[in-house]
């Protein structure tokens, strides 16, 4: 296997001990590079995983001809900013 190759794998677990910041979740989706398992893992809640899958289906992560992600549309930036403000407000309450 070449140094630059990756093999992304995902599994579902109910063990949240490796992601204490997500301890209250029923299950987590765990994504990692099986070719480089020492590189770490990403832990997604079910809602986060669903949003990620929708983004993939919508082309949100598609690269342009130069290998770059396309710019984020203004309406998406506005939604993200509004969601961030809502989360910040909820944390203060």
C-alpha atoms as a PDB file:
ATOM      1  CA  UNK A   1       0.000   0.000   0.000  1.00  0.00           C
ATOM      2  CA  UNK A   2       1.352   3.441  -0.904  1.00  0.00           C
ATOM      3  CA  UNK A   3       1.949   6.073   1.762  1.00  0.00           C
ATOM      4  CA  UNK A   4      -0.825   8.323   0.389  1.00  0.00           C
ATOM      5  CA  UNK A   5      -3.517   5.636   0.241  1.00  0.00           C
ATOM      6  CA  UNK A   6      -6.397   5.666   2.679  1.00  0.00           C
ATOM      7  CA  UNK A   7      -9.195   3.253   3.401  1.00  0.00           C
ATOM      8  CA  UNK A   8     -12.030   4.944   5.256  1.00  0.00           C
ATOM      9  CA  UNK A   9     -14.176   2.656   7.339  1.00  0.00           C
ATOM     10  CA  UNK A  10     -17.198   3.329   9.538  1.00  0.00           C
ATOM     11  CA  UNK A  11     -18.771   1.279  12.279  1.00  0.00           C
ATOM     12  CA  UNK A  12     -21.585   1.853  14.777  1.00  0.00           C
ATOM     13  CA  UNK A  13     -21.066   1.395  18.511  1.00  0.00           C
ATOM     14  CA  UNK A  14     -22.970   1.875  21.743  1.00  0.00           C
ATOM     15  CA  UNK A  15     -19.684   2.237  23.683  1.00  0.00           C
ATOM     16  CA  UNK A  16     -19.144   5.964  24.203  1.00  0.00           C
ATOM     17  CA  UNK A  17     -16.135   5.607  26.510  1.00  0.00           C
ATOM     18  CA  UNK A  18     -13.694   6.739  23.806  1.00  0.00           C
ATOM     19  CA  UNK A  19     -15.788   9.870  23.158  1.00  0.00           C
ATOM     20  CA  UNK A  20     -16.788  11.150  26.616  1.00  0.00           C
ATOM     21  CA  UNK A  21     -17.994  14.429  25.096  1.00  0.00           C
ATOM     22  CA  UNK A  22     -20.789  12.368  23.490  1.00  0.00           C
ATOM     23  CA  UNK A  23     -21.499  10.142  26.501  1.00  0.00           C
ATOM     24  CA  UNK A  24     -25.273  10.660  26.544  1.00  0.00           C
ATOM     25  CA  UNK A  25     -25.798   9.224  23.063  1.00  0.00           C
ATOM     26  CA  UNK A  26     -27.428   5.837  22.396  1.00  0.00           C
ATOM     27  CA  UNK A  27     -25.002   5.044  19.591  1.00  0.00           C
ATOM     28  CA  UNK A  28     -22.100   6.615  17.757  1.00  0.00           C
ATOM     29  CA  UNK A  29     -20.861   6.314  14.190  1.00  0.00           C
ATOM     30  CA  UNK A  30     -17.086   5.955  14.210  1.00  0.00           C
ATOM     31  CA  UNK A  31     -15.058   6.871  11.121  1.00  0.00           C
ATOM     32  CA  UNK A  32     -11.361   6.110  10.744  1.00  0.00           C
ATOM     33  CA  UNK A  33      -8.658   5.378   8.180  1.00  0.00           C
ATOM     34  CA  UNK A  34      -8.106   1.613   8.345  1.00  0.00           C
ATOM     35  CA  UNK A  35      -4.819   2.058   6.459  1.00  0.00           C
ATOM     36  CA  UNK A  36      -3.601   4.391   9.238  1.00  0.00           C
ATOM     37  CA  UNK A  37      -5.554   3.494  12.389  1.00  0.00           C
ATOM     38  CA  UNK A  38      -3.069   5.378  14.550  1.00  0.00           C
ATOM     39  CA  UNK A  39      -4.292   8.612  12.928  1.00  0.00           C
ATOM     40  CA  UNK A  40      -7.333   8.674  15.213  1.00  0.00           C
ATOM     41  CA  UNK A  41     -11.080   8.361  14.883  1.00  0.00           C
ATOM     42  CA  UNK A  42     -13.998  10.712  14.341  1.00  0.00           C
ATOM     43  CA  UNK A  43     -17.131  10.159  16.430  1.00  0.00           C
ATOM     44  CA  UNK A  44     -20.546  11.211  15.110  1.00  0.00           C
ATOM     45  CA  UNK A  45     -23.909  11.217  16.844  1.00  0.00           C
ATOM     46  CA  UNK A  46     -26.792   9.848  14.818  1.00  0.00           C
ATOM     47  CA  UNK A  47     -27.953  13.391  13.946  1.00  0.00           C
ATOM     48  CA  UNK A  48     -24.416  14.415  12.945  1.00  0.00           C
ATOM     49  CA  UNK A  49     -24.030  11.281  10.808  1.00  0.00           C
ATOM     50  CA  UNK A  50     -27.364  11.921   9.080  1.00  0.00           C
ATOM     51  CA  UNK A  51     -26.294  15.507   8.319  1.00  0.00           C
ATOM     52  CA  UNK A  52     -22.934  14.277   6.991  1.00  0.00           C
ATOM     53  CA  UNK A  53     -24.601  11.708   4.713  1.00  0.00           C
ATOM     54  CA  UNK A  54     -27.014  14.347   3.396  1.00  0.00           C
ATOM     55  CA  UNK A  55     -24.043  16.633   2.693  1.00  0.00           C
ATOM     56  CA  UNK A  56     -22.285  13.865   0.770  1.00  0.00           C
ATOM     57  CA  UNK A  57     -25.424  13.172  -1.274  1.00  0.00           C
ATOM     58  CA  UNK A  58     -25.825  16.912  -1.925  1.00  0.00           C
ATOM     59  CA  UNK A  59     -22.239  17.208  -3.224  1.00  0.00           C
ATOM     60  CA  UNK A  60     -21.089  19.359  -0.327  1.00  0.00           C
ATOM     61  CA  UNK A  61     -17.723  17.584  -0.227  1.00  0.00           C
ATOM     62  CA  UNK A  62     -17.131  17.251  -3.974  1.00  0.00           C
ATOM     63  CA  UNK A  63     -13.813  18.674  -5.135  1.00  0.00           C
ATOM     64  CA  UNK A  64     -13.388  20.979  -8.119  1.00  0.00           C
ATOM     65  CA  UNK A  65     -11.031  20.217 -11.020  1.00  0.00           C
ATOM     66  CA  UNK A  66      -8.091  21.517  -8.937  1.00  0.00           C
ATOM     67  CA  UNK A  67      -8.893  19.278  -5.983  1.00  0.00           C
ATOM     68  CA  UNK A  68     -10.376  22.065  -3.827  1.00  0.00           C
ATOM     69  CA  UNK A  69     -13.697  22.175  -2.050  1.00  0.00           C
ATOM     70  CA  UNK A  70     -16.089  24.654  -3.669  1.00  0.00           C
ATOM     71  CA  UNK A  71     -16.917  27.850  -1.747  1.00  0.00           C
ATOM     72  CA  UNK A  72     -19.707  27.542   0.796  1.00  0.00           C
ATOM     73  CA  UNK A  73     -22.927  29.154  -0.521  1.00  0.00           C
ATOM     74  CA  UNK A  74     -23.939  32.353   1.293  1.00  0.00           C
ATOM     75  CA  UNK A  75     -27.290  30.907   2.445  1.00  0.00           C
ATOM     76  CA  UNK A  76     -25.498  27.951   4.025  1.00  0.00           C
ATOM     77  CA  UNK A  77     -23.088  30.277   5.835  1.00  0.00           C
ATOM     78  CA  UNK A  78     -26.073  32.232   7.145  1.00  0.00           C
ATOM     79  CA  UNK A  79     -27.776  29.046   8.398  1.00  0.00           C
ATOM     80  CA  UNK A  80     -24.558  27.905  10.086  1.00  0.00           C
ATOM     81  CA  UNK A  81     -24.100  31.296  11.743  1.00  0.00           C
ATOM     82  CA  UNK A  82     -27.713  31.275  12.962  1.00  0.00           C
ATOM     83  CA  UNK A  83     -27.325  27.734  14.327  1.00  0.00           C
ATOM     84  CA  UNK A  84     -24.121  28.753  16.121  1.00  0.00           C
ATOM     85  CA  UNK A  85     -25.860  31.722  17.713  1.00  0.00           C
ATOM     86  CA  UNK A  86     -28.716  29.483  18.848  1.00  0.00           C
ATOM     87  CA  UNK A  87     -26.278  26.990  20.414  1.00  0.00           C
ATOM     88  CA  UNK A  88     -24.416  29.828  22.163  1.00  0.00           C
ATOM     89  CA  UNK A  89     -27.704  31.187  23.522  1.00  0.00           C
ATOM     90  CA  UNK A  90     -28.751  27.719  24.741  1.00  0.00           C
ATOM     91  CA  UNK A  91     -25.432  27.280  26.573  1.00  0.00           C
ATOM     92  CA  UNK A  92     -25.984  30.571  28.465  1.00  0.00           C
ATOM     93  CA  UNK A  93     -29.423  29.471  29.705  1.00  0.00           C
END
